[in-house]
Amino acid sequence: MARTHSIRLISVDLDGTLYRSDGTPAPDGLRQLQAARRAGVRVVINTTRNAGSVGHVCAQLGSRDPLICTNGAQIFAEPEGPLWASYTIPMVVARSVARLADRHGWEISTSVGSNSYFRQRPGQALGPVELGSSPGGEGVQSRTQVIVVRQNEEALVAEPKRMLLHEPEAIVAAKELAAQYSQACRTETYFEPDGRLHSLCILPRRADKGTALRFVAGRLEIPLEQVLAIGDNPNDAPMFGAAGVSVAMSNAPPEVKAAATVVGPSNDDEGVAWAVRRFVLQDRR
């Protein structure tokens, strides 16, 4: 196990980790991450969320550190940008998935640029639903919109960063289809804390949290053994493999707990705060 005082970078997941079950950041977790930043530790949010939905927590942390979004498909030098790296799903793959879903009436959440597109539901108006905007380029402060389209294929105005499906039949069929394009894309299956199936995410082949974490640590010239990773879902396992020390929340599934250095309290019981105190701040007082 890495020595606690050697940690120089924290890679922290959001949903199910820093965020509690009610969808709000754990207050002590935020405080401990802020304390780590004041002690000179870099705090890197490493999330499956799109950049436009993490601005609030970046502001709460006062973060100027790199940001990993969309499961590693976007890597920002700072929350406001610029982009260090960006990966997309090839259009031939995206169209095949969209057309399959459209034939069956399945909904896909498709992320293109800073926008998220959704297939129209009964009675829903077509067009953009603006979520918010503020000055900025490609970072989390840039304009973000949800756009409702008649068919999933209409969302493909450019190559997407992510395609997310929730219906069980859609998950099975889209996973089988994506497997035919394994050289161009990859899939991740997400589960609820009780083990129920939640969603399937189709991602660019090079997009995963571990690869992105290695990239960021390299750019910051921080050895991986001086990195702490904190997460709860199977998609966090790659960053556990990259980091010198890893903490799984107790709400994580068994395979994620087995991949971690240690299991901490749950997201609702301030697991992030526990991890930061134990592995980062303990020897800095």
C-alpha atoms as a PDB file:
ATOM      1  CA  MET A   1       0.000   0.000   0.000  1.00  0.00           C
ATOM      2  CA  ALA A   2       1.215   3.504  -0.808  1.00  0.00           C
ATOM      3  CA  ARG A   3       2.306   5.710   2.096  1.00  0.00           C
ATOM      4  CA  THR A   4      -0.509   8.098   2.937  1.00  0.00           C
ATOM      5  CA  HIS A   5       1.575  11.258   2.838  1.00  0.00           C
ATOM      6  CA  SER A   6       2.771  10.494  -0.712  1.00  0.00           C
ATOM      7  CA  ILE A   7      -0.598  11.051  -2.420  1.00  0.00           C
ATOM      8  CA  ARG A   8      -0.407  13.991  -4.833  1.00  0.00           C
ATOM      9  CA  LEU A   9      -3.532  13.410  -6.963  1.00  0.00           C
ATOM     10  CA  ILE A  10      -7.064  12.273  -6.096  1.00  0.00           C
ATOM     11  CA  SER A  11      -9.242  10.870  -8.896  1.00  0.00           C
ATOM     12  CA  VAL A  12     -12.830  10.890  -7.634  1.00  0.00           C
ATOM     13  CA  ASP A  13     -16.020   9.610  -9.238  1.00  0.00           C
ATOM     14  CA  LEU A  14     -19.305  11.494  -8.758  1.00  0.00           C
ATOM     15  CA  ASP A  15     -22.495   9.384  -8.917  1.00  0.00           C
ATOM     16  CA  GLY A  16     -22.566   6.780  -6.181  1.00  0.00           C
ATOM     17  CA  THR A  17     -19.303   8.120  -4.754  1.00  0.00           C
ATOM     18  CA  LEU A  18     -19.078  11.842  -3.969  1.00  0.00           C
ATOM     19  CA  TYR A  19     -22.796  12.218  -4.735  1.00  0.00           C
ATOM     20  CA  ARG A  20     -25.209  10.716  -2.218  1.00  0.00           C
ATOM     21  CA  SER A  21     -28.325   8.736  -3.114  1.00  0.00           C
ATOM     22  CA  ASP A  22     -30.339  11.976  -3.230  1.00  0.00           C
ATOM     23  CA  GLY A  23     -28.060  13.280  -6.018  1.00  0.00           C
ATOM     24  CA  THR A  24     -26.324  15.942  -3.927  1.00  0.00           C
ATOM     25  CA  PRO A  25     -22.600  16.101  -3.080  1.00  0.00           C
ATOM     26  CA  ALA A  26     -21.702  14.776   0.366  1.00  0.00           C
ATOM     27  CA  PRO A  27     -20.860  17.907   2.392  1.00  0.00           C
ATOM     28  CA  ASP A  28     -17.940  16.477   4.375  1.00  0.00           C
ATOM     29  CA  GLY A  29     -16.595  14.876   1.224  1.00  0.00           C
ATOM     30  CA  LEU A  30     -16.496  18.302  -0.390  1.00  0.00           C
ATOM     31  CA  ARG A  31     -14.810  19.797   2.667  1.00  0.00           C
ATOM     32  CA  GLN A  32     -12.110  17.138   2.769  1.00  0.00           C
ATOM     33  CA  LEU A  33     -11.421  17.463  -0.967  1.00  0.00           C
ATOM     34  CA  GLN A  34     -11.137  21.234  -0.508  1.00  0.00           C
ATOM     35  CA  ALA A  35      -8.699  20.632   2.355  1.00  0.00           C
ATOM     36  CA  ALA A  36      -6.668  18.314   0.138  1.00  0.00           C
ATOM     37  CA  ARG A  37      -6.498  21.004  -2.549  1.00  0.00           C
ATOM     38  CA  ARG A  38      -5.292  23.546   0.008  1.00  0.00           C
ATOM     39  CA  ALA A  39      -2.580  21.062   0.982  1.00  0.00           C
ATOM     40  CA  GLY A  40      -1.356  21.014  -2.621  1.00  0.00           C
ATOM     41  CA  VAL A  41      -3.050  17.802  -3.798  1.00  0.00           C
ATOM     42  CA  ARG A  42      -4.595  17.849  -7.287  1.00  0.00           C
ATOM     43  CA  VAL A  43      -8.285  16.841  -7.256  1.00  0.00           C
ATOM     44  CA  VAL A  44      -9.485  15.415 -10.582  1.00  0.00           C
ATOM     45  CA  ILE A  45     -13.170  14.642 -11.060  1.00  0.00           C
ATOM     46  CA  ASN A  46     -13.382  11.457 -13.135  1.00  0.00           C
ATOM     47  CA  THR A  47     -16.990  10.925 -14.194  1.00  0.00           C
ATOM     48  CA  THR A  48     -19.278   9.391 -16.798  1.00  0.00           C
ATOM     49  CA  ARG A  49     -21.266  12.630 -16.772  1.00  0.00           C
ATOM     50  CA  ASN A  50     -20.945  15.098 -19.616  1.00  0.00           C
ATOM     51  CA  ALA A  51     -18.946  18.250 -18.982  1.00  0.00           C
ATOM     52  CA  GLY A  52     -22.015  20.480 -18.869  1.00  0.00           C
ATOM     53  CA  SER A  53     -23.412  18.732 -15.792  1.00  0.00           C
ATOM     54  CA  VAL A  54     -20.366  19.019 -13.510  1.00  0.00           C
ATOM     55  CA  GLY A  55     -19.843  22.775 -13.395  1.00  0.00           C
ATOM     56  CA  HIS A  56     -21.640  23.116 -10.057  1.00  0.00           C
ATOM     57  CA  VAL A  57     -19.403  20.680  -8.191  1.00  0.00           C
ATOM     58  CA  CYS A  58     -16.260  22.128  -9.820  1.00  0.00           C
ATOM     59  CA  ALA A  59     -17.315  25.548  -8.540  1.00  0.00           C
ATOM     60  CA  GLN A  60     -17.959  24.172  -5.047  1.00  0.00           C
ATOM     61  CA  LEU A  61     -14.495  22.644  -4.981  1.00  0.00           C
ATOM     62  CA  GLY A  62     -12.936  25.814  -6.373  1.00  0.00           C
ATOM     63  CA  SER A  63     -11.213  23.484  -8.799  1.00  0.00           C
ATOM     64  CA  ARG A  64      -8.695  24.583 -11.411  1.00  0.00           C
ATOM     65  CA  ASP A  65      -7.454  21.024 -11.814  1.00  0.00           C
ATOM     66  CA  PRO A  66      -7.936  18.787 -14.863  1.00  0.00           C
ATOM     67  CA  LEU A  67     -11.361  17.264 -15.441  1.00  0.00           C
ATOM     68  CA  ILE A  68     -12.210  13.856 -16.949  1.00  0.00           C
ATOM     69  CA  CYS A  69     -15.734  13.599 -18.368  1.00  0.00           C
ATOM     70  CA  THR A  70     -17.879  11.195 -20.375  1.00  0.00           C
ATOM     71  CA  ASN A  71     -15.933   8.226 -19.011  1.00  0.00           C
ATOM     72  CA  GLY A  72     -12.671   9.514 -20.447  1.00  0.00           C
ATOM     73  CA  ALA A  73     -13.997  10.630 -23.841  1.00  0.00           C
ATOM     74  CA  GLN A  74     -13.191  14.228 -22.864  1.00  0.00           C
ATOM     75  CA  ILE A  75     -10.201  15.398 -20.837  1.00  0.00           C
ATOM     76  CA  PHE A  76      -9.918  19.076 -19.920  1.00  0.00           C
ATOM     77  CA  ALA A  77      -6.813  20.891 -18.699  1.00  0.00           C
ATOM     78  CA  GLU A  78      -9.122  22.886 -16.394  1.00  0.00           C
ATOM     79  CA  PRO A  79     -12.915  22.948 -15.950  1.00  0.00           C
ATOM     80  CA  GLU A  80     -13.121  25.943 -18.314  1.00  0.00           C
ATOM     81  CA  GLY A  81     -10.891  24.211 -20.876  1.00  0.00           C
ATOM     82  CA  PRO A  82      -8.971  23.870 -23.045  1.00  0.00           C
ATOM     83  CA  LEU A  83      -9.483  20.292 -24.144  1.00  0.00           C
ATOM     84  CA  TRP A  84      -6.477  18.037 -23.745  1.00  0.00           C
ATOM     85  CA  ALA A  85      -8.123  15.086 -25.508  1.00  0.00           C
ATOM     86  CA  SER A  86     -11.453  14.201 -27.082  1.00  0.00           C
ATOM     87  CA  TYR A  87     -12.654  10.899 -28.558  1.00  0.00           C
ATOM     88  CA  THR A  88     -15.842  10.046 -30.458  1.00  0.00           C
ATOM     89  CA  ILE A  89     -17.761   6.999 -31.700  1.00  0.00           C
ATOM     90  CA  PRO A  90     -17.325   6.513 -35.492  1.00  0.00           C
ATOM     91  CA  MET A  91     -20.442   7.509 -37.400  1.00  0.00           C
ATOM     92  CA  VAL A  92     -20.912   4.076 -38.965  1.00  0.00           C
ATOM     93  CA  VAL A  93     -21.260   2.588 -35.475  1.00  0.00           C
ATOM     94  CA  ALA A  94     -23.483   5.370 -34.161  1.00  0.00           C
ATOM     95  CA  ARG A  95     -25.856   5.160 -37.130  1.00  0.00           C
ATOM     96  CA  SER A  96     -26.165   1.393 -36.801  1.00  0.00           C
ATOM     97  CA  VAL A  97     -27.121   1.699 -33.123  1.00  0.00           C
ATOM     98  CA  ALA A  98     -29.500   4.616 -33.728  1.00  0.00           C
ATOM     99  CA  ARG A  99     -31.292   2.842 -36.579  1.00  0.00           C
ATOM    100  CA  LEU A 100     -31.685  -0.320 -34.495  1.00  0.00           C
ATOM    101  CA  ALA A 101     -33.208   1.694 -31.665  1.00  0.00           C
ATOM    102  CA  ASP A 102     -35.476   3.647 -34.008  1.00  0.00           C
ATOM    103  CA  ARG A 103     -36.854   0.431 -35.520  1.00  0.00           C
ATOM    104  CA  HIS A 104     -37.915  -0.718 -32.057  1.00  0.00           C
ATOM    105  CA  GLY A 105     -38.929   2.638 -30.608  1.00  0.00           C
ATOM    106  CA  TRP A 106     -36.148   2.645 -28.000  1.00  0.00           C
ATOM    107  CA  GLU A 107     -34.806   5.860 -26.514  1.00  0.00           C
ATOM    108  CA  ILE A 108     -31.100   6.731 -26.594  1.00  0.00           C
ATOM    109  CA  SER A 109     -29.399   9.565 -24.765  1.00  0.00           C
ATOM    110  CA  THR A 110     -26.842  10.685 -27.353  1.00  0.00           C
ATOM    111  CA  SER A 111     -24.071  13.122 -26.403  1.00  0.00           C
ATOM    112  CA  VAL A 112     -22.713  15.210 -29.284  1.00  0.00           C
ATOM    113  CA  GLY A 113     -20.426  18.137 -28.517  1.00  0.00           C
ATOM    114  CA  SER A 114     -21.872  19.913 -25.483  1.00  0.00           C
ATOM    115  CA  ASN A 115     -25.445  18.801 -26.245  1.00  0.00           C
ATOM    116  CA  SER A 116     -27.503  15.797 -25.192  1.00  0.00           C
ATOM    117  CA  TYR A 117     -30.178  14.499 -27.574  1.00  0.00           C
ATOM    118  CA  PHE A 118     -33.206  12.406 -26.623  1.00  0.00           C
ATOM    119  CA  ARG A 119     -35.760  10.598 -28.766  1.00  0.00           C
ATOM    120  CA  GLN A 120     -39.194  12.217 -28.486  1.00  0.00           C
ATOM    121  CA  ARG A 121     -41.620  10.771 -25.969  1.00  0.00           C
ATOM    122  CA  PRO A 122     -45.424  10.961 -26.420  1.00  0.00           C
ATOM    123  CA  GLY A 123     -46.651  14.518 -26.003  1.00  0.00           C
ATOM    124  CA  GLN A 124     -43.146  15.948 -25.790  1.00  0.00           C
ATOM    125  CA  ALA A 125     -42.248  19.032 -27.841  1.00  0.00           C
ATOM    126  CA  LEU A 126     -39.424  18.808 -30.348  1.00  0.00           C
ATOM    127  CA  GLY A 127     -36.386  21.069 -30.154  1.00  0.00           C
ATOM    128  CA  PRO A 128     -33.949  22.405 -27.585  1.00  0.00           C
ATOM    129  CA  VAL A 129     -34.540  22.707 -23.880  1.00  0.00           C
ATOM    130  CA  GLU A 130     -31.842  25.046 -22.644  1.00  0.00           C
ATOM    131  CA  LEU A 131     -30.317  24.059 -19.319  1.00  0.00           C
ATOM    132  CA  GLY A 132     -27.994  27.008 -18.883  1.00  0.00           C
ATOM    133  CA  SER A 133     -25.127  28.947 -20.382  1.00  0.00           C
ATOM    134  CA  SER A 134     -22.264  31.160 -19.392  1.00  0.00           C
ATOM    135  CA  PRO A 135     -19.084  32.408 -21.007  1.00  0.00           C
ATOM    136  CA  GLY A 136     -16.538  29.805 -22.000  1.00  0.00           C
ATOM    137  CA  GLY A 137     -15.252  27.659 -24.804  1.00  0.00           C
ATOM    138  CA  GLU A 138     -15.309  23.872 -24.693  1.00  0.00           C
ATOM    139  CA  GLY A 139     -15.249  23.602 -20.889  1.00  0.00           C
ATOM    140  CA  VAL A 140     -17.979  23.001 -18.330  1.00  0.00           C
ATOM    141  CA  GLN A 141     -19.038  26.656 -18.497  1.00  0.00           C
ATOM    142  CA  SER A 142     -20.020  26.424 -22.161  1.00  0.00           C
ATOM    143  CA  ARG A 143     -23.622  26.346 -23.402  1.00  0.00           C
ATOM    144  CA  THR A 144     -25.389  23.081 -22.634  1.00  0.00           C
ATOM    145  CA  GLN A 145     -28.696  22.002 -24.119  1.00  0.00           C
ATOM    146  CA  VAL A 146     -30.987  19.034 -24.097  1.00  0.00           C
ATOM    147  CA  ILE A 147     -32.490  18.643 -27.556  1.00  0.00           C
ATOM    148  CA  VAL A 148     -35.520  16.464 -28.273  1.00  0.00           C
ATOM    149  CA  VAL A 149     -35.503  14.823 -31.722  1.00  0.00           C
ATOM    150  CA  ARG A 150     -38.116  12.753 -33.526  1.00  0.00           C
ATOM    151  CA  GLN A 151     -35.768   9.819 -34.145  1.00  0.00           C
ATOM    152  CA  ASN A 152     -32.455   8.809 -32.573  1.00  0.00           C
ATOM    153  CA  GLU A 153     -30.675   9.075 -35.898  1.00  0.00           C
ATOM    154  CA  GLU A 154     -31.505  12.788 -36.072  1.00  0.00           C
ATOM    155  CA  ALA A 155     -29.226  13.304 -33.067  1.00  0.00           C
ATOM    156  CA  LEU A 156     -26.174  12.365 -35.125  1.00  0.00           C
ATOM    157  CA  VAL A 157     -25.258  15.852 -36.323  1.00  0.00           C
ATOM    158  CA  ALA A 158     -21.635  14.804 -35.671  1.00  0.00           C
ATOM    159  CA  GLU A 159     -19.855  11.807 -34.188  1.00  0.00           C
ATOM    160  CA  PRO A 160     -21.109  11.301 -30.614  1.00  0.00           C
ATOM    161  CA  LYS A 161     -19.047  10.924 -27.451  1.00  0.00           C
ATOM    162  CA  ARG A 162     -21.532   8.596 -25.804  1.00  0.00           C
ATOM    163  CA  MET A 163     -24.767   6.690 -26.428  1.00  0.00           C
ATOM    164  CA  LEU A 164     -26.740   5.594 -23.367  1.00  0.00           C
ATOM    165  CA  LEU A 165     -29.656   3.119 -23.321  1.00  0.00           C
ATOM    166  CA  HIS A 166     -31.836   2.092 -20.372  1.00  0.00           C
ATOM    167  CA  GLU A 167     -34.506  -0.331 -21.613  1.00  0.00           C
ATOM    168  CA  PRO A 168     -33.529  -3.974 -20.936  1.00  0.00           C
ATOM    169  CA  GLU A 169     -34.307  -5.172 -24.463  1.00  0.00           C
ATOM    170  CA  ALA A 170     -32.383  -2.257 -25.927  1.00  0.00           C
ATOM    171  CA  ILE A 171     -29.392  -3.004 -23.720  1.00  0.00           C
ATOM    172  CA  VAL A 172     -29.166  -6.622 -24.898  1.00  0.00           C
ATOM    173  CA  ALA A 173     -29.592  -5.811 -28.587  1.00  0.00           C
ATOM    174  CA  ALA A 174     -27.290  -2.776 -28.621  1.00  0.00           C
ATOM    175  CA  LYS A 175     -24.562  -4.667 -26.769  1.00  0.00           C
ATOM    176  CA  GLU A 176     -24.662  -7.452 -29.359  1.00  0.00           C
ATOM    177  CA  LEU A 177     -24.535  -4.921 -32.202  1.00  0.00           C
ATOM    178  CA  ALA A 178     -21.683  -2.937 -30.665  1.00  0.00           C
ATOM    179  CA  ALA A 179     -19.678  -6.154 -30.291  1.00  0.00           C
ATOM    180  CA  GLN A 180     -19.506  -6.287 -34.093  1.00  0.00           C
ATOM    181  CA  TYR A 181     -17.570  -2.985 -33.984  1.00  0.00           C
ATOM    182  CA  SER A 182     -15.234  -3.869 -31.114  1.00  0.00           C
ATOM    183  CA  GLN A 183     -12.260  -2.233 -32.836  1.00  0.00           C
ATOM    184  CA  ALA A 184     -14.082   1.114 -32.908  1.00  0.00           C
ATOM    185  CA  CYS A 185     -16.152   1.240 -29.723  1.00  0.00           C
ATOM    186  CA  ARG A 186     -16.654  -0.383 -26.350  1.00  0.00           C
ATOM    187  CA  THR A 187     -19.568  -0.860 -23.972  1.00  0.00           C
ATOM    188  CA  GLU A 188     -20.042  -0.607 -20.228  1.00  0.00           C
ATOM    189  CA  THR A 189     -23.007  -1.951 -18.290  1.00  0.00           C
ATOM    190  CA  TYR A 190     -24.088  -0.039 -15.177  1.00  0.00           C
ATOM    191  CA  PHE A 191     -26.029  -1.419 -12.221  1.00  0.00           C
ATOM    192  CA  GLU A 192     -28.027  -0.045  -9.313  1.00  0.00           C
ATOM    193  CA  PRO A 193     -26.566  -0.543  -5.802  1.00  0.00           C
ATOM    194  CA  ASP A 194     -28.968  -3.466  -5.300  1.00  0.00           C
ATOM    195  CA  GLY A 195     -27.649  -5.171  -8.437  1.00  0.00           C
ATOM    196  CA  ARG A 196     -30.509  -4.269 -10.786  1.00  0.00           C
ATOM    197  CA  LEU A 197     -29.577  -3.406 -14.360  1.00  0.00           C
ATOM    198  CA  HIS A 198     -29.448   0.369 -14.893  1.00  0.00           C
ATOM    199  CA  SER A 199     -28.076   1.158 -18.361  1.00  0.00           C
ATOM    200  CA  LEU A 200     -25.670   0.392 -21.173  1.00  0.00           C
ATOM    201  CA  CYS A 201     -23.138   2.976 -22.334  1.00  0.00           C
ATOM    202  CA  ILE A 202     -21.507   2.828 -25.768  1.00  0.00           C
ATOM    203  CA  LEU A 203     -18.223   4.720 -25.829  1.00  0.00           C
ATOM    204  CA  PRO A 204     -15.252   5.398 -28.093  1.00  0.00           C
ATOM    205  CA  ARG A 205     -12.720   2.588 -27.952  1.00  0.00           C
ATOM    206  CA  ARG A 206     -10.090   4.779 -26.230  1.00  0.00           C
ATOM    207  CA  ALA A 207     -12.464   6.184 -23.595  1.00  0.00           C
ATOM    208  CA  ASP A 208     -12.127   4.698 -20.127  1.00  0.00           C
ATOM    209  CA  LYS A 209     -11.384   6.182 -16.735  1.00  0.00           C
ATOM    210  CA  GLY A 210      -8.079   4.385 -16.283  1.00  0.00           C
ATOM    211  CA  THR A 211      -6.593   5.452 -19.615  1.00  0.00           C
ATOM    212  CA  ALA A 212      -7.720   9.027 -18.953  1.00  0.00           C
ATOM    213  CA  LEU A 213      -6.228   8.994 -15.450  1.00  0.00           C
ATOM    214  CA  ARG A 214      -2.871   7.782 -16.791  1.00  0.00           C
ATOM    215  CA  PHE A 215      -2.984  10.580 -19.373  1.00  0.00           C
ATOM    216  CA  VAL A 216      -3.681  13.264 -16.763  1.00  0.00           C
ATOM    217  CA  ALA A 217      -1.084  11.979 -14.300  1.00  0.00           C
ATOM    218  CA  GLY A 218       1.472  11.969 -17.112  1.00  0.00           C
ATOM    219  CA  ARG A 219       0.661  15.545 -18.108  1.00  0.00           C
ATOM    220  CA  LEU A 220       0.977  16.635 -14.469  1.00  0.00           C
ATOM    221  CA  GLU A 221       4.171  14.586 -14.035  1.00  0.00           C
ATOM    222  CA  ILE A 222       2.725  12.729 -11.037  1.00  0.00           C
ATOM    223  CA  PRO A 223       3.732   9.065 -10.626  1.00  0.00           C
ATOM    224  CA  LEU A 224       0.757   6.716 -10.586  1.00  0.00           C
ATOM    225  CA  GLU A 225       1.807   5.307  -7.230  1.00  0.00           C
ATOM    226  CA  GLN A 226       1.052   8.767  -5.799  1.00  0.00           C
ATOM    227  CA  VAL A 227      -2.546   8.681  -7.057  1.00  0.00           C
ATOM    228  CA  LEU A 228      -5.650   7.862  -4.987  1.00  0.00           C
ATOM    229  CA  ALA A 229      -8.756   6.714  -6.911  1.00  0.00           C
ATOM    230  CA  ILE A 230     -12.219   6.659  -5.297  1.00  0.00           C
ATOM    231  CA  GLY A 231     -15.259   5.051  -6.957  1.00  0.00           C
ATOM    232  CA  ASP A 232     -18.193   2.661  -6.774  1.00  0.00           C
ATOM    233  CA  ASN A 233     -19.084   1.180 -10.186  1.00  0.00           C
ATOM    234  CA  PRO A 234     -17.474  -1.316 -12.581  1.00  0.00           C
ATOM    235  CA  ASN A 235     -16.437   1.550 -14.851  1.00  0.00           C
ATOM    236  CA  ASP A 236     -14.232   2.780 -11.964  1.00  0.00           C
ATOM    237  CA  ALA A 237     -12.193  -0.436 -11.946  1.00  0.00           C
ATOM    238  CA  PRO A 238      -9.821   0.787 -14.724  1.00  0.00           C
ATOM    239  CA  MET A 239      -8.854   3.827 -12.626  1.00  0.00           C
ATOM    240  CA  PHE A 240      -8.378   1.509  -9.632  1.00  0.00           C
ATOM    241  CA  GLY A 241      -5.928  -0.423 -11.794  1.00  0.00           C
ATOM    242  CA  ALA A 242      -4.055   2.753 -12.680  1.00  0.00           C
ATOM    243  CA  ALA A 243      -3.832   4.275  -9.192  1.00  0.00           C
ATOM    244  CA  GLY A 244      -1.402   3.410  -6.437  1.00  0.00           C
ATOM    245  CA  VAL A 245      -4.217   3.384  -3.867  1.00  0.00           C
ATOM    246  CA  SER A 246      -7.928   2.834  -4.527  1.00  0.00           C
ATOM    247  CA  VAL A 247     -11.017   3.025  -2.322  1.00  0.00           C
ATOM    248  CA  ALA A 248     -14.361   1.454  -3.211  1.00  0.00           C
ATOM    249  CA  MET A 249     -17.520   2.704  -1.552  1.00  0.00           C
ATOM    250  CA  SER A 250     -19.346   0.059   0.482  1.00  0.00           C
ATOM    251  CA  ASN A 251     -22.298   0.515  -1.887  1.00  0.00           C
ATOM    252  CA  ALA A 252     -20.140  -0.824  -4.749  1.00  0.00           C
ATOM    253  CA  PRO A 253     -20.802  -4.283  -6.220  1.00  0.00           C
ATOM    254  CA  PRO A 254     -18.549  -7.147  -5.072  1.00  0.00           C
ATOM    255  CA  GLU A 255     -16.271  -7.134  -8.126  1.00  0.00           C
ATOM    256  CA  VAL A 256     -15.498  -3.431  -7.637  1.00  0.00           C
ATOM    257  CA  LYS A 257     -14.731  -3.936  -3.957  1.00  0.00           C
ATOM    258  CA  ALA A 258     -12.407  -6.808  -4.905  1.00  0.00           C
ATOM    259  CA  ALA A 259     -10.507  -4.533  -7.314  1.00  0.00           C
ATOM    260  CA  ALA A 260      -9.869  -1.841  -4.687  1.00  0.00           C
ATOM    261  CA  THR A 261      -7.067  -1.488  -2.156  1.00  0.00           C
ATOM    262  CA  VAL A 262      -9.660  -1.027   0.584  1.00  0.00           C
ATOM    263  CA  VAL A 263     -13.421  -0.664   1.013  1.00  0.00           C
ATOM    264  CA  GLY A 264     -14.634   2.476   2.775  1.00  0.00           C
ATOM    265  CA  PRO A 265     -18.044   3.668   3.981  1.00  0.00           C
ATOM    266  CA  SER A 266     -20.866   4.193   1.500  1.00  0.00           C
ATOM    267  CA  ASN A 267     -21.560   7.353  -0.483  1.00  0.00           C
ATOM    268  CA  ASP A 268     -24.364   8.162   1.979  1.00  0.00           C
ATOM    269  CA  ASP A 269     -21.985   7.701   4.914  1.00  0.00           C
ATOM    270  CA  GLU A 270     -19.270  10.099   3.673  1.00  0.00           C
ATOM    271  CA  GLY A 271     -17.020   7.487   2.096  1.00  0.00           C
ATOM    272  CA  VAL A 272     -15.052  10.109   0.149  1.00  0.00           C
ATOM    273  CA  ALA A 273     -14.331  12.110   3.304  1.00  0.00           C
ATOM    274  CA  TRP A 274     -13.151   8.917   5.034  1.00  0.00           C
ATOM    275  CA  ALA A 275     -10.825   8.063   2.134  1.00  0.00           C
ATOM    276  CA  VAL A 276      -9.299  11.538   1.917  1.00  0.00           C
ATOM    277  CA  ARG A 277      -8.702  11.751   5.661  1.00  0.00           C
ATOM    278  CA  ARG A 278      -7.148   8.280   5.793  1.00  0.00           C
ATOM    279  CA  PHE A 279      -4.928   8.378   2.733  1.00  0.00           C
ATOM    280  CA  VAL A 280      -4.213  12.081   2.154  1.00  0.00           C
ATOM    281  CA  LEU A 281      -4.700  14.349   5.153  1.00  0.00           C
ATOM    282  CA  GLN A 282      -3.726  12.085   8.030  1.00  0.00           C
ATOM    283  CA  ASP A 283       0.010  12.807   7.763  1.00  0.00           C
ATOM    284  CA  ARG A 284      -0.355  16.417   6.599  1.00  0.00           C
ATOM    285  CA  ARG A 285      -1.598  17.805   9.902  1.00  0.00           C
END
